[in-house]
Amino acid sequence: MRVFTIEIIYFLIVRISIHQYDYNNIYHSGIDIIQFLYFIALFTVTLYFSISHKKKSTLLINSTIFLIIYSTILRIFIKSIAVYFTNIQGIINFANYAGKIYFICLPLSSFRVLYSKNSFFNIILFFITTVLFQTFFDLNGLLYSIPFYEFICFSRIVINYFTQTIKQGGFYGRFNNFK
């Protein structure tokens, strides 16, 4: 439930940021389509995490494979999918452009969903990333902030894992008790 709330907050942050660009509703509609498809993927992964009783490593591998397949299918068929939402060619083209950017980082999001512990920090980090990228890169910055944020969260999780492993005696130090 916590992850759903966080994703809704991310959606609202992007919606508030996109309202700064009132001059074109194509951007609003295109990003709405992409965020809806992104939310479906994260909803599915979160639901899988909550109902499955497998080990975290198995969950992570399965969800990452699912997200790779999902993002590949979306990348190939994004124009066909966008036609179901609208028939305006500008929105379809923008959804195609935004989909290239959004879905490149989707497989990394399974790490964030499974291993993130401090949700308030993640929300603040996402907000800062969005504001900074939007300030420097305008509307494209809003699109680029999502992959950058996912990469930052992924890097934080990997660094925390290695730090915890080293604190426990290194990768092979944990098994020295079996002498």
N, C-alpha and C. Protein backbone atom coordinates (compact mmCIF):
# COMPACT_ATOMS: atom_id res chain seq x y z
N MET A 1 0.82 -1.19 0.00
CA MET A 1 0.00 0.00 0.00
C MET A 1 0.86 1.26 0.00
N ARG A 2 2.00 1.20 0.68
CA ARG A 2 2.90 2.33 0.77
C ARG A 2 3.44 2.70 -0.61
N VAL A 3 3.76 1.69 -1.43
CA VAL A 3 4.32 1.95 -2.75
C VAL A 3 3.27 2.59 -3.66
N PHE A 4 2.02 2.16 -3.54
CA PHE A 4 0.95 2.77 -4.33
C PHE A 4 0.82 4.25 -3.99
N THR A 5 0.88 4.57 -2.72
CA THR A 5 0.79 5.96 -2.30
C THR A 5 1.95 6.78 -2.84
N ILE A 6 3.13 6.21 -2.80
CA ILE A 6 4.31 6.91 -3.32
C ILE A 6 4.17 7.16 -4.81
N GLU A 7 3.70 6.15 -5.55
CA GLU A 7 3.54 6.32 -7.00
C GLU A 7 2.49 7.38 -7.32
N ILE A 8 1.44 7.45 -6.53
CA ILE A 8 0.42 8.47 -6.74
C ILE A 8 1.02 9.86 -6.46
N ILE A 9 1.85 9.96 -5.44
CA ILE A 9 2.51 11.24 -5.15
C ILE A 9 3.44 11.62 -6.30
N TYR A 10 4.18 10.64 -6.87
CA TYR A 10 5.03 10.92 -8.03
C TYR A 10 4.19 11.44 -9.19
N PHE A 11 3.06 10.79 -9.41
CA PHE A 11 2.16 11.20 -10.49
C PHE A 11 1.71 12.65 -10.27
N LEU A 12 1.35 12.98 -9.04
CA LEU A 12 0.88 14.34 -8.75
C LEU A 12 1.99 15.37 -8.91
N ILE A 13 3.21 15.02 -8.53
CA ILE A 13 4.33 15.94 -8.70
C ILE A 13 4.54 16.24 -10.18
N VAL A 14 4.48 15.20 -11.01
CA VAL A 14 4.65 15.41 -12.45
C VAL A 14 3.47 16.22 -13.01
N ARG A 15 2.26 15.94 -12.54
CA ARG A 15 1.08 16.69 -13.02
C ARG A 15 1.20 18.16 -12.65
N ILE A 16 1.63 18.45 -11.45
CA ILE A 16 1.79 19.85 -11.04
C ILE A 16 2.89 20.50 -11.87
N SER A 17 3.96 19.78 -12.12
CA SER A 17 5.07 20.33 -12.91
C SER A 17 4.65 20.59 -14.35
N ILE A 18 3.85 19.69 -14.92
CA ILE A 18 3.45 19.86 -16.31
C ILE A 18 2.45 20.99 -16.48
N HIS A 19 1.73 21.33 -15.43
CA HIS A 19 0.78 22.45 -15.53
C HIS A 19 1.48 23.79 -15.70
N GLN A 20 2.76 23.81 -15.48
CA GLN A 20 3.52 25.03 -15.73
C GLN A 20 3.54 25.33 -17.22
N TYR A 21 3.36 24.30 -18.04
CA TYR A 21 3.40 24.45 -19.49
C TYR A 21 1.97 24.46 -20.03
N ASP A 22 1.24 25.51 -19.76
CA ASP A 22 -0.15 25.60 -20.16
C ASP A 22 -0.34 25.86 -21.64
N TYR A 23 0.72 26.16 -22.34
CA TYR A 23 0.57 26.55 -23.73
C TYR A 23 0.24 25.38 -24.66
N ASN A 24 0.32 24.16 -24.20
CA ASN A 24 0.06 23.06 -25.10
C ASN A 24 -0.51 21.86 -24.35
N ASN A 25 -1.71 21.48 -24.68
CA ASN A 25 -2.34 20.32 -24.04
C ASN A 25 -1.80 19.00 -24.56
N ILE A 26 -1.05 19.04 -25.65
CA ILE A 26 -0.45 17.80 -26.17
C ILE A 26 0.50 17.22 -25.14
N TYR A 27 1.27 18.06 -24.48
CA TYR A 27 2.20 17.57 -23.47
C TYR A 27 1.45 16.95 -22.29
N HIS A 28 0.38 17.59 -21.88
CA HIS A 28 -0.42 17.06 -20.77
C HIS A 28 -0.94 15.67 -21.10
N SER A 29 -1.55 15.54 -22.26
CA SER A 29 -2.16 14.27 -22.64
C SER A 29 -1.11 13.20 -22.90
N GLY A 30 -0.02 13.56 -23.55
CA GLY A 30 1.05 12.58 -23.82
C GLY A 30 1.66 12.04 -22.55
N ILE A 31 1.95 12.91 -21.61
CA ILE A 31 2.53 12.46 -20.35
C ILE A 31 1.51 11.67 -19.53
N ASP A 32 0.24 12.03 -19.62
CA ASP A 32 -0.79 11.24 -18.93
C ASP A 32 -0.82 9.81 -19.44
N ILE A 33 -0.71 9.63 -20.75
CA ILE A 33 -0.71 8.28 -21.32
C ILE A 33 0.50 7.50 -20.82
N ILE A 34 1.66 8.11 -20.88
CA ILE A 34 2.89 7.42 -20.47
C ILE A 34 2.86 7.11 -18.98
N GLN A 35 2.42 8.06 -18.16
CA GLN A 35 2.37 7.81 -16.72
C GLN A 35 1.36 6.72 -16.39
N PHE A 36 0.27 6.65 -17.11
CA PHE A 36 -0.71 5.59 -16.88
C PHE A 36 -0.08 4.23 -17.15
N LEU A 37 0.65 4.09 -18.26
CA LEU A 37 1.29 2.82 -18.59
C LEU A 37 2.41 2.49 -17.60
N TYR A 38 3.11 3.50 -17.15
CA TYR A 38 4.17 3.32 -16.15
C TYR A 38 3.56 2.86 -14.82
N PHE A 39 2.44 3.48 -14.44
CA PHE A 39 1.77 3.13 -13.20
C PHE A 39 1.24 1.69 -13.25
N ILE A 40 0.74 1.26 -14.40
CA ILE A 40 0.27 -0.12 -14.54
C ILE A 40 1.41 -1.10 -14.28
N ALA A 41 2.58 -0.82 -14.82
CA ALA A 41 3.73 -1.70 -14.61
C ALA A 41 4.11 -1.76 -13.14
N LEU A 42 4.20 -0.61 -12.49
CA LEU A 42 4.58 -0.60 -11.07
C LEU A 42 3.48 -1.18 -10.19
N PHE A 43 2.24 -0.99 -10.55
CA PHE A 43 1.13 -1.61 -9.83
C PHE A 43 1.23 -3.13 -9.91
N THR A 44 1.51 -3.66 -11.10
CA THR A 44 1.64 -5.10 -11.28
C THR A 44 2.80 -5.66 -10.46
N VAL A 45 3.93 -4.99 -10.49
CA VAL A 45 5.10 -5.45 -9.73
C VAL A 45 4.83 -5.39 -8.24
N THR A 46 4.21 -4.32 -7.78
CA THR A 46 3.90 -4.19 -6.36
C THR A 46 2.90 -5.25 -5.91
N LEU A 47 1.94 -5.51 -6.72
CA LEU A 47 0.97 -6.57 -6.42
C LEU A 47 1.66 -7.93 -6.36
N TYR A 48 2.57 -8.18 -7.27
CA TYR A 48 3.34 -9.43 -7.27
C TYR A 48 4.17 -9.55 -5.99
N PHE A 49 4.80 -8.45 -5.58
CA PHE A 49 5.60 -8.47 -4.36
C PHE A 49 4.73 -8.74 -3.13
N SER A 50 3.54 -8.20 -3.12
CA SER A 50 2.70 -8.32 -1.93
C SER A 50 2.03 -9.70 -1.81
N ILE A 51 1.75 -10.38 -2.92
CA ILE A 51 1.07 -11.67 -2.82
C ILE A 51 2.01 -12.85 -2.89
N SER A 52 3.24 -12.64 -3.31
CA SER A 52 4.18 -13.75 -3.45
C SER A 52 4.93 -13.97 -2.14
N HIS A 53 5.28 -15.22 -1.89
CA HIS A 53 6.03 -15.57 -0.68
C HIS A 53 7.41 -16.11 -1.03
N LYS A 54 7.93 -15.72 -2.16
CA LYS A 54 9.25 -16.16 -2.59
C LYS A 54 10.32 -15.29 -1.94
N LYS A 55 11.57 -15.73 -2.10
CA LYS A 55 12.69 -14.95 -1.58
C LYS A 55 12.82 -13.65 -2.37
N LYS A 56 13.44 -12.66 -1.73
CA LYS A 56 13.59 -11.35 -2.37
C LYS A 56 14.37 -11.44 -3.68
N SER A 57 15.38 -12.29 -3.71
CA SER A 57 16.18 -12.39 -4.94
C SER A 57 15.34 -12.94 -6.09
N THR A 58 14.50 -13.92 -5.82
CA THR A 58 13.62 -14.47 -6.86
C THR A 58 12.59 -13.44 -7.30
N LEU A 59 12.03 -12.71 -6.34
CA LEU A 59 11.08 -11.66 -6.67
C LEU A 59 11.73 -10.60 -7.56
N LEU A 60 12.94 -10.22 -7.21
CA LEU A 60 13.65 -9.19 -7.96
C LEU A 60 13.94 -9.64 -9.38
N ILE A 61 14.40 -10.87 -9.53
CA ILE A 61 14.71 -11.38 -10.87
C ILE A 61 13.44 -11.47 -11.72
N ASN A 62 12.39 -12.04 -11.15
CA ASN A 62 11.13 -12.18 -11.91
C ASN A 62 10.54 -10.83 -12.28
N SER A 63 10.54 -9.89 -11.35
CA SER A 63 9.96 -8.58 -11.65
C SER A 63 10.81 -7.81 -12.65
N THR A 64 12.12 -7.94 -12.58
CA THR A 64 12.98 -7.25 -13.53
C THR A 64 12.79 -7.82 -14.93
N ILE A 65 12.68 -9.13 -15.04
CA ILE A 65 12.43 -9.74 -16.35
C ILE A 65 11.07 -9.27 -16.89
N PHE A 66 10.05 -9.24 -16.03
CA PHE A 66 8.74 -8.76 -16.46
C PHE A 66 8.83 -7.32 -16.94
N LEU A 67 9.53 -6.47 -16.21
CA LEU A 67 9.61 -5.05 -16.58
C LEU A 67 10.43 -4.85 -17.86
N ILE A 68 11.42 -5.68 -18.09
CA ILE A 68 12.18 -5.60 -19.35
C ILE A 68 11.28 -5.96 -20.52
N ILE A 69 10.52 -7.03 -20.37
CA ILE A 69 9.60 -7.44 -21.43
C ILE A 69 8.52 -6.38 -21.63
N TYR A 70 7.96 -5.88 -20.54
CA TYR A 70 6.91 -4.86 -20.61
C TYR A 70 7.41 -3.60 -21.30
N SER A 71 8.59 -3.12 -20.91
CA SER A 71 9.10 -1.90 -21.52
C SER A 71 9.48 -2.11 -22.99
N THR A 72 9.93 -3.30 -23.34
CA THR A 72 10.24 -3.59 -24.74
C THR A 72 8.96 -3.60 -25.57
N ILE A 73 7.92 -4.25 -25.06
CA ILE A 73 6.64 -4.28 -25.78
C ILE A 73 6.08 -2.88 -25.92
N LEU A 74 6.16 -2.09 -24.86
CA LEU A 74 5.66 -0.71 -24.94
C LEU A 74 6.47 0.11 -25.93
N ARG A 75 7.76 -0.11 -25.94
CA ARG A 75 8.61 0.63 -26.87
C ARG A 75 8.24 0.32 -28.31
N ILE A 76 7.93 -0.94 -28.58
CA ILE A 76 7.59 -1.34 -29.94
C ILE A 76 6.19 -0.86 -30.32
N PHE A 77 5.24 -0.98 -29.39
CA PHE A 77 3.84 -0.73 -29.72
C PHE A 77 3.27 0.55 -29.10
N ILE A 78 4.09 1.50 -28.72
CA ILE A 78 3.58 2.68 -28.01
C ILE A 78 2.64 3.50 -28.90
N LYS A 79 2.91 3.59 -30.17
CA LYS A 79 2.01 4.35 -31.05
C LYS A 79 0.66 3.67 -31.15
N SER A 80 0.67 2.35 -31.26
CA SER A 80 -0.59 1.61 -31.35
C SER A 80 -1.38 1.71 -30.05
N ILE A 81 -0.69 1.71 -28.94
CA ILE A 81 -1.36 1.83 -27.65
C ILE A 81 -1.91 3.24 -27.46
N ALA A 82 -1.16 4.24 -27.87
CA ALA A 82 -1.60 5.63 -27.72
C ALA A 82 -2.83 5.93 -28.56
N VAL A 83 -3.01 5.21 -29.65
CA VAL A 83 -4.20 5.41 -30.49
C VAL A 83 -5.47 5.06 -29.73
N TYR A 84 -5.39 4.13 -28.78
CA TYR A 84 -6.57 3.78 -27.99
C TYR A 84 -6.98 4.92 -27.05
N PHE A 85 -6.04 5.78 -26.70
CA PHE A 85 -6.34 6.90 -25.82
C PHE A 85 -6.80 8.14 -26.58
N THR A 86 -6.23 8.35 -27.76
CA THR A 86 -6.54 9.55 -28.55
C THR A 86 -6.25 9.30 -30.02
N ASN A 87 -6.83 10.11 -30.87
CA ASN A 87 -6.53 10.01 -32.30
C ASN A 87 -5.77 11.24 -32.81
N ILE A 88 -5.36 12.11 -31.93
CA ILE A 88 -4.60 13.31 -32.30
C ILE A 88 -3.14 12.92 -32.50
N GLN A 89 -2.64 13.15 -33.71
CA GLN A 89 -1.30 12.68 -34.07
C GLN A 89 -0.20 13.34 -33.22
N GLY A 90 -0.36 14.58 -32.82
CA GLY A 90 0.64 15.24 -31.99
C GLY A 90 0.80 14.56 -30.64
N ILE A 91 -0.30 14.16 -30.04
CA ILE A 91 -0.25 13.46 -28.74
C ILE A 91 0.40 12.10 -28.91
N ILE A 92 0.07 11.42 -29.99
CA ILE A 92 0.66 10.09 -30.25
C ILE A 92 2.17 10.22 -30.45
N ASN A 93 2.60 11.22 -31.20
CA ASN A 93 4.04 11.43 -31.41
C ASN A 93 4.76 11.80 -30.11
N PHE A 94 4.12 12.66 -29.31
CA PHE A 94 4.74 13.02 -28.04
C PHE A 94 4.79 11.83 -27.09
N ALA A 95 3.74 11.01 -27.07
CA ALA A 95 3.75 9.81 -26.23
C ALA A 95 4.86 8.86 -26.68
N ASN A 96 5.09 8.77 -27.97
CA ASN A 96 6.17 7.94 -28.48
C ASN A 96 7.52 8.48 -28.02
N TYR A 97 7.70 9.78 -28.11
CA TYR A 97 8.95 10.41 -27.66
C TYR A 97 9.15 10.24 -26.15
N ALA A 98 8.10 10.52 -25.38
CA ALA A 98 8.21 10.40 -23.92
C ALA A 98 8.38 8.95 -23.50
N GLY A 99 7.77 8.03 -24.24
CA GLY A 99 7.90 6.61 -23.91
C GLY A 99 9.33 6.11 -24.04
N LYS A 100 10.07 6.64 -25.01
CA LYS A 100 11.47 6.26 -25.16
C LYS A 100 12.25 6.61 -23.90
N ILE A 101 11.94 7.75 -23.33
CA ILE A 101 12.67 8.22 -22.16
C ILE A 101 12.19 7.52 -20.89
N TYR A 102 10.89 7.44 -20.70
CA TYR A 102 10.33 6.87 -19.47
C TYR A 102 10.66 5.39 -19.31
N PHE A 103 10.50 4.62 -20.38
CA PHE A 103 10.56 3.18 -20.24
C PHE A 103 11.98 2.62 -20.29
N ILE A 104 12.97 3.47 -20.48
CA ILE A 104 14.35 2.99 -20.46
C ILE A 104 14.77 2.62 -19.03
N CYS A 105 14.15 3.24 -18.05
CA CYS A 105 14.54 3.02 -16.67
C CYS A 105 13.57 2.11 -15.92
N LEU A 106 12.55 1.65 -16.58
CA LEU A 106 11.53 0.86 -15.90
C LEU A 106 12.07 -0.40 -15.22
N PRO A 107 13.00 -1.16 -15.83
CA PRO A 107 13.52 -2.34 -15.12
C PRO A 107 14.24 -2.02 -13.81
N LEU A 108 14.79 -0.82 -13.68
CA LEU A 108 15.46 -0.44 -12.43
C LEU A 108 14.47 -0.16 -11.31
N SER A 109 13.24 0.14 -11.67
CA SER A 109 12.27 0.52 -10.65
C SER A 109 11.88 -0.65 -9.75
N SER A 110 12.08 -1.89 -10.20
CA SER A 110 11.76 -3.03 -9.33
C SER A 110 12.67 -3.04 -8.10
N PHE A 111 13.91 -2.59 -8.24
CA PHE A 111 14.81 -2.48 -7.09
C PHE A 111 14.26 -1.47 -6.09
N ARG A 112 13.82 -0.32 -6.60
CA ARG A 112 13.30 0.72 -5.73
C ARG A 112 12.05 0.26 -5.01
N VAL A 113 11.17 -0.41 -5.71
CA VAL A 113 9.91 -0.85 -5.11
C VAL A 113 10.17 -1.90 -4.04
N LEU A 114 11.10 -2.81 -4.28
CA LEU A 114 11.35 -3.90 -3.34
C LEU A 114 12.21 -3.48 -2.15
N TYR A 115 13.21 -2.65 -2.39
CA TYR A 115 14.19 -2.38 -1.34
C TYR A 115 14.12 -1.01 -0.71
N SER A 116 13.28 -0.11 -1.19
CA SER A 116 13.28 1.22 -0.59
C SER A 116 12.60 1.17 0.77
N LYS A 117 13.26 1.76 1.73
CA LYS A 117 12.76 1.75 3.10
C LYS A 117 12.29 3.12 3.55
N ASN A 118 12.94 4.16 3.07
CA ASN A 118 12.62 5.50 3.50
C ASN A 118 11.81 6.19 2.41
N SER A 119 10.50 6.07 2.48
CA SER A 119 9.64 6.60 1.43
C SER A 119 9.63 8.13 1.41
N PHE A 120 9.72 8.76 2.57
CA PHE A 120 9.72 10.22 2.62
C PHE A 120 10.97 10.76 1.92
N PHE A 121 12.10 10.14 2.15
CA PHE A 121 13.33 10.56 1.49
C PHE A 121 13.21 10.39 -0.03
N ASN A 122 12.59 9.30 -0.47
CA ASN A 122 12.42 9.08 -1.91
C ASN A 122 11.53 10.14 -2.54
N ILE A 123 10.49 10.53 -1.84
CA ILE A 123 9.60 11.57 -2.37
C ILE A 123 10.34 12.90 -2.48
N ILE A 124 11.10 13.24 -1.45
CA ILE A 124 11.89 14.49 -1.48
C ILE A 124 12.93 14.43 -2.60
N LEU A 125 13.59 13.29 -2.75
CA LEU A 125 14.58 13.13 -3.81
C LEU A 125 13.94 13.26 -5.19
N PHE A 126 12.78 12.67 -5.36
CA PHE A 126 12.08 12.78 -6.64
C PHE A 126 11.68 14.23 -6.92
N PHE A 127 11.18 14.91 -5.91
CA PHE A 127 10.78 16.30 -6.08
C PHE A 127 11.98 17.17 -6.46
N ILE A 128 13.08 17.00 -5.77
CA ILE A 128 14.29 17.79 -6.06
C ILE A 128 14.80 17.49 -7.47
N THR A 129 14.82 16.21 -7.83
CA THR A 129 15.27 15.83 -9.17
C THR A 129 14.38 16.45 -10.24
N THR A 130 13.08 16.38 -10.02
CA THR A 130 12.14 16.95 -10.99
C THR A 130 12.31 18.45 -11.12
N VAL A 131 12.42 19.15 -10.02
CA VAL A 131 12.55 20.61 -10.06
C VAL A 131 13.88 21.01 -10.71
N LEU A 132 14.97 20.34 -10.35
CA LEU A 132 16.27 20.68 -10.94
C LEU A 132 16.30 20.43 -12.45
N PHE A 133 15.84 19.28 -12.85
CA PHE A 133 15.86 18.96 -14.28
C PHE A 133 14.91 19.87 -15.06
N GLN A 134 13.77 20.17 -14.48
CA GLN A 134 12.83 21.05 -15.15
C GLN A 134 13.39 22.46 -15.26
N THR A 135 14.13 22.90 -14.26
CA THR A 135 14.73 24.23 -14.29
C THR A 135 15.78 24.34 -15.38
N PHE A 136 16.62 23.31 -15.51
CA PHE A 136 17.71 23.38 -16.46
C PHE A 136 17.34 22.95 -17.88
N PHE A 137 16.40 22.01 -18.01
CA PHE A 137 16.11 21.45 -19.33
C PHE A 137 14.67 21.66 -19.79
N ASP A 138 13.89 22.46 -19.08
CA ASP A 138 12.52 22.79 -19.44
C ASP A 138 11.66 21.53 -19.47
N LEU A 139 10.85 21.34 -20.50
CA LEU A 139 9.94 20.19 -20.54
C LEU A 139 10.69 18.88 -20.68
N ASN A 140 11.77 18.86 -21.44
CA ASN A 140 12.56 17.63 -21.55
C ASN A 140 13.13 17.22 -20.20
N GLY A 141 13.46 18.18 -19.38
CA GLY A 141 13.96 17.89 -18.05
C GLY A 141 12.94 17.15 -17.21
N LEU A 142 11.68 17.49 -17.40
CA LEU A 142 10.62 16.78 -16.69
C LEU A 142 10.61 15.31 -17.10
N LEU A 143 10.82 15.05 -18.37
CA LEU A 143 10.86 13.66 -18.84
C LEU A 143 12.13 12.94 -18.39
N TYR A 144 13.26 13.65 -18.40
CA TYR A 144 14.53 13.03 -18.03
C TYR A 144 14.68 12.83 -16.53
N SER A 145 13.87 13.51 -15.75
CA SER A 145 13.99 13.37 -14.30
C SER A 145 13.59 11.99 -13.82
N ILE A 146 12.67 11.34 -14.49
CA ILE A 146 12.22 10.00 -14.08
C ILE A 146 13.36 8.98 -14.21
N PRO A 147 14.01 8.84 -15.38
CA PRO A 147 15.12 7.87 -15.45
C PRO A 147 16.27 8.21 -14.53
N PHE A 148 16.56 9.50 -14.39
CA PHE A 148 17.65 9.89 -13.51
C PHE A 148 17.34 9.52 -12.06
N TYR A 149 16.10 9.77 -11.65
CA TYR A 149 15.67 9.42 -10.29
C TYR A 149 15.75 7.91 -10.06
N GLU A 150 15.29 7.11 -11.02
CA GLU A 150 15.36 5.66 -10.88
C GLU A 150 16.81 5.19 -10.79
N PHE A 151 17.69 5.81 -11.58
CA PHE A 151 19.11 5.43 -11.53
C PHE A 151 19.73 5.81 -10.19
N ILE A 152 19.37 6.97 -9.65
CA ILE A 152 19.88 7.38 -8.33
C ILE A 152 19.42 6.39 -7.26
N CYS A 153 18.15 6.02 -7.29
CA CYS A 153 17.62 5.06 -6.29
C CYS A 153 18.29 3.71 -6.44
N PHE A 154 18.49 3.26 -7.68
CA PHE A 154 19.16 1.99 -7.92
C PHE A 154 20.59 2.04 -7.39
N SER A 155 21.29 3.12 -7.66
CA SER A 155 22.68 3.27 -7.18
C SER A 155 22.74 3.29 -5.66
N ARG A 156 21.79 3.99 -5.04
CA ARG A 156 21.73 4.02 -3.57
C ARG A 156 21.53 2.64 -2.98
N ILE A 157 20.66 1.86 -3.59
CA ILE A 157 20.38 0.50 -3.09
C ILE A 157 21.61 -0.38 -3.25
N VAL A 158 22.28 -0.30 -4.39
CA VAL A 158 23.48 -1.12 -4.62
C VAL A 158 24.59 -0.71 -3.65
N ILE A 159 24.80 0.57 -3.46
CA ILE A 159 25.83 1.03 -2.53
C ILE A 159 25.51 0.60 -1.10
N ASN A 160 24.24 0.71 -0.70
CA ASN A 160 23.85 0.25 0.64
C ASN A 160 24.07 -1.24 0.81
N TYR A 161 23.78 -2.01 -0.22
CA TYR A 161 23.99 -3.46 -0.15
C TYR A 161 25.46 -3.79 0.04
N PHE A 162 26.33 -3.16 -0.77
CA PHE A 162 27.75 -3.43 -0.65
C PHE A 162 28.31 -2.92 0.68
N THR A 163 27.82 -1.81 1.15
CA THR A 163 28.26 -1.28 2.43
C THR A 163 27.88 -2.23 3.56
N GLN A 164 26.66 -2.72 3.55
CA GLN A 164 26.23 -3.67 4.58
C GLN A 164 27.01 -4.97 4.50
N THR A 165 27.32 -5.42 3.30
CA THR A 165 28.09 -6.65 3.13
C THR A 165 29.50 -6.48 3.67
N ILE A 166 30.10 -5.35 3.41
CA ILE A 166 31.46 -5.10 3.90
C ILE A 166 31.45 -4.97 5.42
N LYS A 167 30.43 -4.33 6.00
CA LYS A 167 30.34 -4.20 7.45
C LYS A 167 30.19 -5.56 8.12
N GLN A 168 29.61 -6.52 7.43
CA GLN A 168 29.43 -7.85 7.99
C GLN A 168 30.67 -8.73 7.83
N GLY A 169 31.73 -8.18 7.31
CA GLY A 169 32.96 -8.94 7.19
C GLY A 169 33.36 -9.22 5.76
N GLY A 170 32.81 -8.53 4.84
CA GLY A 170 33.15 -8.72 3.44
C GLY A 170 32.30 -9.81 2.81
N PHE A 171 32.53 -10.02 1.54
CA PHE A 171 31.72 -10.99 0.82
C PHE A 171 31.99 -12.41 1.29
N TYR A 172 33.23 -12.71 1.62
CA TYR A 172 33.56 -14.05 2.05
C TYR A 172 33.79 -14.13 3.56
N GLY A 173 33.85 -12.99 4.22
CA GLY A 173 34.08 -12.94 5.66
C GLY A 173 32.92 -13.50 6.46
N ARG A 174 31.75 -13.49 5.92
CA ARG A 174 30.59 -14.03 6.64
C ARG A 174 30.69 -15.53 6.82
N PHE A 175 31.47 -16.19 5.99
CA PHE A 175 31.55 -17.65 6.04
C PHE A 175 32.78 -18.14 6.80
N ASN A 176 33.54 -17.24 7.41
CA ASN A 176 34.73 -17.63 8.15
C ASN A 176 34.39 -18.37 9.43
N ASN A 177 33.16 -18.31 9.91
CA ASN A 177 32.77 -18.99 11.14
C ASN A 177 32.68 -20.50 10.96
N PHE A 178 32.79 -21.00 9.77
CA PHE A 178 32.62 -22.42 9.51
C PHE A 178 33.95 -23.17 9.53
N LYS A 179 35.00 -22.57 10.03
CA LYS A 179 36.30 -23.24 10.07
C LYS A 179 36.32 -24.37 11.05
